C-alpha atoms as a PDB file:
ATOM      1  CA  MET A   1     -37.503 -44.158  24.297  1.00  0.00           C
ATOM      2  CA  LYS A   2     -39.355 -40.918  23.567  1.00  0.00           C
ATOM      3  CA  ARG A   3     -37.441 -39.264  26.362  1.00  0.00           C
ATOM      4  CA  LEU A   4     -34.100 -40.387  24.859  1.00  0.00           C
ATOM      5  CA  ASN A   5     -35.092 -39.001  21.432  1.00  0.00           C
ATOM      6  CA  LEU A   6     -36.079 -35.709  23.055  1.00  0.00           C
ATOM      7  CA  ILE A   7     -32.721 -35.459  24.868  1.00  0.00           C
ATOM      8  CA  ILE A   8     -30.806 -36.230  21.643  1.00  0.00           C
ATOM      9  CA  THR A   9     -32.842 -33.695  19.665  1.00  0.00           C
ATOM     10  CA  LEU A  10     -32.329 -30.981  22.311  1.00  0.00           C
ATOM     11  CA  SER A  11     -28.587 -31.757  22.448  1.00  0.00           C
ATOM     12  CA  LEU A  12     -28.300 -31.419  18.667  1.00  0.00           C
ATOM     13  CA  LEU A  13     -30.233 -28.142  18.660  1.00  0.00           C
ATOM     14  CA  ALA A  14     -28.061 -26.757  21.477  1.00  0.00           C
ATOM     15  CA  THR A  15     -24.887 -27.746  19.595  1.00  0.00           C
ATOM     16  CA  ILE A  16     -26.106 -26.107  16.402  1.00  0.00           C
ATOM     17  CA  PHE A  17     -27.258 -22.968  18.235  1.00  0.00           C
ATOM     18  CA  LEU A  18     -24.073 -22.554  20.271  1.00  0.00           C
ATOM     19  CA  GLY A  19     -21.896 -23.264  17.239  1.00  0.00           C
ATOM     20  CA  SER A  20     -23.590 -20.510  15.283  1.00  0.00           C
ATOM     21  CA  CYS A  21     -22.765 -17.958  17.976  1.00  0.00           C
ATOM     22  CA  SER A  22     -19.016 -18.012  17.382  1.00  0.00           C
ATOM     23  CA  LYS A  23     -17.439 -14.950  15.817  1.00  0.00           C
ATOM     24  CA  SER A  24     -16.881 -15.143  12.102  1.00  0.00           C
ATOM     25  CA  SER A  25     -13.772 -13.847  10.381  1.00  0.00           C
ATOM     26  CA  ASP A  26     -15.931 -11.101   8.854  1.00  0.00           C
ATOM     27  CA  ASP A  27     -16.161  -9.486  12.307  1.00  0.00           C
ATOM     28  CA  SER A  28     -12.452  -8.665  12.344  1.00  0.00           C
ATOM     29  CA  THR A  29     -11.605  -5.039  11.761  1.00  0.00           C
ATOM     30  CA  SER A  30      -9.531  -4.245   8.720  1.00  0.00           C
ATOM     31  CA  LYS A  31      -7.045  -1.402   8.730  1.00  0.00           C
ATOM     32  CA  THR A  32      -7.843   1.862   7.021  1.00  0.00           C
ATOM     33  CA  LYS A  33      -5.678   3.076   4.161  1.00  0.00           C
ATOM     34  CA  THR A  34      -4.207   5.691   6.493  1.00  0.00           C
ATOM     35  CA  GLU A  35      -3.232   2.968   8.969  1.00  0.00           C
ATOM     36  CA  LEU A  36      -1.722   0.853   6.194  1.00  0.00           C
ATOM     37  CA  ILE A  37       0.332   3.634   4.616  1.00  0.00           C
ATOM     38  CA  THR A  38       1.616   4.994   7.954  1.00  0.00           C
ATOM     39  CA  GLN A  39       2.409   1.749   9.793  1.00  0.00           C
ATOM     40  CA  SER A  40       6.090   1.728   8.745  1.00  0.00           C
ATOM     41  CA  SER A  41       8.522   3.087   6.167  1.00  0.00           C
ATOM     42  CA  TRP A  42       8.497   2.084   2.504  1.00  0.00           C
ATOM     43  CA  ARG A  43      11.363   1.141   0.152  1.00  0.00           C
ATOM     44  CA  PHE A  44      11.392   0.797  -3.620  1.00  0.00           C
ATOM     45  CA  ASP A  45      10.842  -2.789  -4.803  1.00  0.00           C
ATOM     46  CA  HIS A  46      10.344  -2.611  -8.578  1.00  0.00           C
ATOM     47  CA  ALA A  47       8.750  -0.657 -11.417  1.00  0.00           C
ATOM     48  CA  THR A  48       6.887  -1.780 -14.540  1.00  0.00           C
ATOM     49  CA  ALA A  49       5.636  -0.059 -17.682  1.00  0.00           C
ATOM     50  CA  ALA A  50       3.479  -1.719 -20.330  1.00  0.00           C
ATOM     51  CA  GLY A  51       3.959  -5.040 -18.521  1.00  0.00           C
ATOM     52  CA  PHE A  52       7.769  -4.864 -18.642  1.00  0.00           C
ATOM     53  CA  ASP A  53      10.121  -4.464 -15.694  1.00  0.00           C
ATOM     54  CA  VAL A  54      11.717  -1.021 -16.010  1.00  0.00           C
ATOM     55  CA  SER A  55      13.474  -1.034 -12.651  1.00  0.00           C
ATOM     56  CA  SER A  56      16.833  -0.773 -14.396  1.00  0.00           C
ATOM     57  CA  GLN A  57      15.718   2.602 -15.839  1.00  0.00           C
ATOM     58  CA  ILE A  58      15.162   4.036 -12.349  1.00  0.00           C
ATOM     59  CA  PRO A  59      18.425   5.565 -11.090  1.00  0.00           C
ATOM     60  CA  SER A  60      19.924   3.588  -8.204  1.00  0.00           C
ATOM     61  CA  CYS A  61      19.978   6.698  -6.003  1.00  0.00           C
ATOM     62  CA  PHE A  62      16.146   6.612  -5.943  1.00  0.00           C
ATOM     63  CA  LYS A  63      15.963   2.884  -5.260  1.00  0.00           C
ATOM     64  CA  ASP A  64      17.538   3.025  -1.811  1.00  0.00           C
ATOM     65  CA  ASN A  65      15.459   5.962  -0.546  1.00  0.00           C
ATOM     66  CA  VAL A  66      13.177   5.415   2.430  1.00  0.00           C
ATOM     67  CA  VAL A  67       9.713   6.983   2.253  1.00  0.00           C
ATOM     68  CA  THR A  68       7.775   7.499   5.487  1.00  0.00           C
ATOM     69  CA  PHE A  69       4.174   8.682   5.848  1.00  0.00           C
ATOM     70  CA  SER A  70       2.804   9.909   9.179  1.00  0.00           C
ATOM     71  CA  SER A  71      -0.816  10.023  10.277  1.00  0.00           C
ATOM     72  CA  SER A  72      -0.584  13.835  10.501  1.00  0.00           C
ATOM     73  CA  ASN A  73      -0.418  13.914   6.670  1.00  0.00           C
ATOM     74  CA  THR A  74       3.266  14.745   6.587  1.00  0.00           C
ATOM     75  CA  GLY A  75       6.049  12.531   5.353  1.00  0.00           C
ATOM     76  CA  SER A  76       9.705  12.356   4.515  1.00  0.00           C
ATOM     77  CA  VAL A  77      12.137  10.918   2.026  1.00  0.00           C
ATOM     78  CA  SER A  78      15.506   9.845   3.405  1.00  0.00           C
ATOM     79  CA  GLU A  79      18.393   9.187   1.043  1.00  0.00           C
ATOM     80  CA  GLY A  80      20.081   5.831   1.315  1.00  0.00           C
ATOM     81  CA  THR A  81      23.807   5.340   0.799  1.00  0.00           C
ATOM     82  CA  ASP A  82      23.528   6.284  -2.894  1.00  0.00           C
ATOM     83  CA  VAL A  83      22.614   9.991  -2.730  1.00  0.00           C
ATOM     84  CA  CYS A  84      20.913  11.642  -5.706  1.00  0.00           C
ATOM     85  CA  SER A  85      22.157  14.936  -7.054  1.00  0.00           C
ATOM     86  CA  PRO A  86      20.147  16.991  -6.520  1.00  0.00           C
ATOM     87  CA  SER A  87      18.925  15.190  -3.420  1.00  0.00           C
ATOM     88  CA  TYR A  88      15.300  14.123  -3.111  1.00  0.00           C
ATOM     89  CA  ALA A  89      15.579  13.938   0.681  1.00  0.00           C
ATOM     90  CA  GLY A  90      13.162  16.141   2.536  1.00  0.00           C
ATOM     91  CA  ASN A  91       9.704  16.522   3.916  1.00  0.00           C
ATOM     92  CA  PHE A  92       6.361  16.568   2.141  1.00  0.00           C
ATOM     93  CA  THR A  93       2.674  16.689   2.871  1.00  0.00           C
ATOM     94  CA  TRP A  94       0.327  14.027   1.573  1.00  0.00           C
ATOM     95  CA  ALA A  95      -3.387  13.382   1.205  1.00  0.00           C
ATOM     96  CA  PHE A  96      -5.692  10.769  -0.229  1.00  0.00           C
ATOM     97  CA  GLN A  97      -8.006  12.064  -2.945  1.00  0.00           C
ATOM     98  CA  SER A  98     -10.912  10.706  -5.030  1.00  0.00           C
ATOM     99  CA  ASN A  99     -12.278   8.348  -2.374  1.00  0.00           C
ATOM    100  CA  GLU A 100      -8.761   7.239  -1.434  1.00  0.00           C
ATOM    101  CA  SER A 101      -8.005   6.017  -4.960  1.00  0.00           C
ATOM    102  CA  MET A 102      -5.409   8.764  -5.518  1.00  0.00           C
ATOM    103  CA  LEU A 103      -2.409   9.815  -3.467  1.00  0.00           C
ATOM    104  CA  HIS A 104      -1.195  13.411  -3.659  1.00  0.00           C
ATOM    105  CA  LEU A 105       2.265  14.384  -2.397  1.00  0.00           C
ATOM    106  CA  SER A 106       3.570  17.942  -2.289  1.00  0.00           C
ATOM    107  CA  ALA A 107       6.828  16.664  -3.833  1.00  0.00           C
ATOM    108  CA  SER A 108       7.730  14.100  -6.471  1.00  0.00           C
ATOM    109  CA  LEU A 109       9.456  10.861  -5.494  1.00  0.00           C
ATOM    110  CA  PHE A 110      11.244  10.347  -8.823  1.00  0.00           C
ATOM    111  CA  SER A 111      12.642  12.571 -11.523  1.00  0.00           C
ATOM    112  CA  GLY A 112      10.346  12.610 -14.533  1.00  0.00           C
ATOM    113  CA  GLY A 113       7.275  12.179 -12.330  1.00  0.00           C
ATOM    114  CA  SER A 114       4.903  14.290 -10.294  1.00  0.00           C
ATOM    115  CA  GLY A 115       3.438  14.108  -6.803  1.00  0.00           C
ATOM    116  CA  ASP A 116       0.108  12.674  -8.000  1.00  0.00           C
ATOM    117  CA  PHE A 117      -0.339   8.900  -8.052  1.00  0.00           C
ATOM    118  CA  THR A 118      -3.130   6.438  -8.683  1.00  0.00           C
ATOM    119  CA  ILE A 119      -3.246   3.833  -5.912  1.00  0.00           C
ATOM    120  CA  VAL A 120      -3.208   0.421  -7.585  1.00  0.00           C
ATOM    121  CA  SER A 121      -3.114  -1.444  -4.261  1.00  0.00           C
ATOM    122  CA  LEU A 122      -2.233  -0.852  -0.628  1.00  0.00           C
ATOM    123  CA  THR A 123      -1.756  -3.827   1.702  1.00  0.00           C
ATOM    124  CA  GLU A 124       0.076  -4.649   4.925  1.00  0.00           C
ATOM    125  CA  THR A 125       3.295  -5.214   2.950  1.00  0.00           C
ATOM    126  CA  ASN A 126       3.016  -3.463  -0.434  1.00  0.00           C
ATOM    127  CA  LEU A 127       2.146  -0.047  -1.802  1.00  0.00           C
ATOM    128  CA  VAL A 128       1.621  -0.056  -5.566  1.00  0.00           C
ATOM    129  CA  ILE A 129       1.125   3.325  -7.212  1.00  0.00           C
ATOM    130  CA  SER A 130       1.129   4.478 -10.819  1.00  0.00           C
ATOM    131  CA  GLN A 131       1.578   7.706 -12.738  1.00  0.00           C
ATOM    132  CA  GLN A 132       2.613   9.104 -16.096  1.00  0.00           C
ATOM    133  CA  MET A 133       6.401   9.416 -16.141  1.00  0.00           C
ATOM    134  CA  THR A 134       9.070  10.264 -18.642  1.00  0.00           C
ATOM    135  CA  ILE A 135      12.135   8.059 -18.251  1.00  0.00           C
ATOM    136  CA  ALA A 136      14.715   9.112 -20.831  1.00  0.00           C
ATOM    137  CA  PRO A 137      15.113   8.118 -23.607  1.00  0.00           C
ATOM    138  CA  TYR A 138      11.520   6.813 -23.699  1.00  0.00           C
ATOM    139  CA  PRO A 139       8.343   8.833 -24.236  1.00  0.00           C
ATOM    140  CA  ALA A 140       5.919   9.479 -21.386  1.00  0.00           C
ATOM    141  CA  THR A 141       4.263   6.285 -20.230  1.00  0.00           C
ATOM    142  CA  THR A 142       2.317   5.010 -17.229  1.00  0.00           C
ATOM    143  CA  VAL A 143       4.737   3.517 -14.739  1.00  0.00           C
ATOM    144  CA  GLU A 144       3.611   1.293 -11.882  1.00  0.00           C
ATOM    145  CA  ILE A 145       5.910   1.487  -8.854  1.00  0.00           C
ATOM    146  CA  THR A 146       5.873  -1.054  -6.062  1.00  0.00           C
ATOM    147  CA  PHE A 147       7.149  -0.223  -2.593  1.00  0.00           C
ATOM    148  CA  LYS A 148       7.490  -2.694   0.268  1.00  0.00           C
ATOM    149  CA  HIS A 149       8.144  -2.620   4.011  1.00  0.00           C
END
């Protein structure tokens, strides 16, 4: 009987020990912000200001642009079928700043804005950035712009 208890105890300890050796989900590697922003092109999804959707205030010619970032810190804006006048198509350089909480572009993506953005979030599918913008006829306000793949 003692031998049976010893075998059961050793079996339980082996099960517990071997079960604890499996890899946890914390061991998986997460992508860097550079990998996330450069993995594929981005398209405008929507824009908000003061909690309100202001997408209708963004000209349609900006909404169908395709923004691409490369790992060499260059990028491009391609016009969609609705071309802006003047065109915003072209190349730019980009860099993360302030511990990757800011995104600096050498060109603006929208009229009324600049090339400096605060990164609100960057995931596999969404890039959310914000900046002070002036969208006529409204005064300057912080606009949050969401892009998606």
